[in-house]
Amino acid sequence: MNQSTTRFAIAILLAVLWAGNPSAQLQGAQAQPAPQVSAPTVEPPVISSPDLVMQVTSKWTGERMQDGRPKVSDDLLKRMRNVPITMAWGILMNAGYHNNYESAIGWEITRPDQALVGRVLTAQYMPAHPDLNEAIMKQGKAEGRIGNSNSWPIDMLQKGDVYVADGFGKIVDGTLIGDNLANSIYAKSGTGVIFNAGVRDLEGIEEVQGFNVWHKGADPSYLKEVMLTAINVPIRIGRAIACPGDIVLAKKEGIVFIPPQLAEKVVLEAEAITLKDAFGHQRLREGKYTPGQIDRRWTPEIQEDFRGWLKENRDKLTVPPEAIDRVLNSTMRNW
C-alpha cells in the first residue's frame, strides 16, 4: 500500500469514527446557547370585548348597550312577560333554535308565579386554579374593579338586565350571592338572577320584594374554591345555551333564552296565538264549535266570528290594542 492510499484509508476511518461519536462532534463544534423563549402575555378573558359580544349577536341590527349587548326595547320586555313558555319554545324551534330551553325540574325558584324577563348578562365560574385566578385578580385590579370577583358582573348590571351565571352546579361552598349582593342586584336591574349554583341567606334574599331567584339550592357556606373566568360570553345553563344579550323568559314551566333578533317575532306571534286560543277556548266551553273545527284551519264563518269577538272584547283582553288591530287587519289565511 503506497503512502497516498494509506492516508486515504486513515481519513475514511476517522470520518466513520467521527460520525459514530456524538460527543466528539460536540467537542469539535462550538457550543451554541439555547434560544431564550419568553412566555407570551395573555390576558384572561374576565371582561369580553364588545367586539366578541357583537360577533355572538351579529344578526341584531338595532341599538346596543355600551358593553355591546343588543338593547331590546323595554316595551318588548314588558309584553314578553305575557308570552307562554310553550309558545316561545315553539317559535324558536320553528326558527331553528333547538337548544334554548331549560326545564324547571331541579331548580328552586323564590317566586314561581312571577315571570322573570330581561336582557341577559352572563358570567362563567369554574373550580379555582391558583395561577389563573391570580392572573384574573391582577387584571381586575388593573381595570379598577373592586372587591371579590363575584361582585364584578353585578357592577355591570343595567335596568332590565338578568344576571345569568354558570356556577357548574356547586351548592356547598358555591353560593354566588347572599342578601347583600341580592339587594345590590335588584337595585341595579329590577329583575332577578338565574344561577346554576347555590345561594346563601335565603330568608334575606326572599325579603327583597320583586327579586326573583332561580338557583340550585341554598347553603350557609361561603363561596370557596370558585373563580370567575369570564363575563358576557356564551354559557351553558342546563341543556340550554345562553348568550349575552339574549332575552330570557323564565316561568314555572322553564327557561327560554331568546336571541334578540327574534324577540319581536316571539312577542307578535305569541300575542296573535294568545288571542286565537282565548277565542277558541271560550267557544269550545260554550259548545258553539267542536274541537275538530277549532284545531283545523278556520272556515270563513269562524274567522268572521273571531273578528267580531275581538271587537267585542277589546278592552278585556290582556294583549295591547295594537296587537288586536294587527290581527284584525291580517288575512288569517292560515287560521
Foldseek 3Di string as FASTA:
>chain_A
DDPVVVVVVVVVVVVVVCVVDVVNVVVVDDDDDDDDDDDDDDAFAAEPALVQQCVVQVVDDDDADPRNADDFDPVLQVLVQPFDPVLLQVVCVVVPANQFWDFLPLKDKLCQAGKFKAFEKEWEKDFADVVNQVSNVVVCVVVVHDDASLCVSLVVAAARYEYEYEQVQEEALFASEALVSLVSNCVHHVGEYAYSYHHENVVSNSVPPRYMYIYNYYDHHHNDRMHIRHIQAWDDDHRHIAGGNWMWIQHNRTIGTHSSVCSVVSSLVSLLVVLLVVVVVVCVVVVVDDPVQSVAQHDPVVVVVSLVVCVVCVVPDPHDNVSSVVNNPDPSRRD
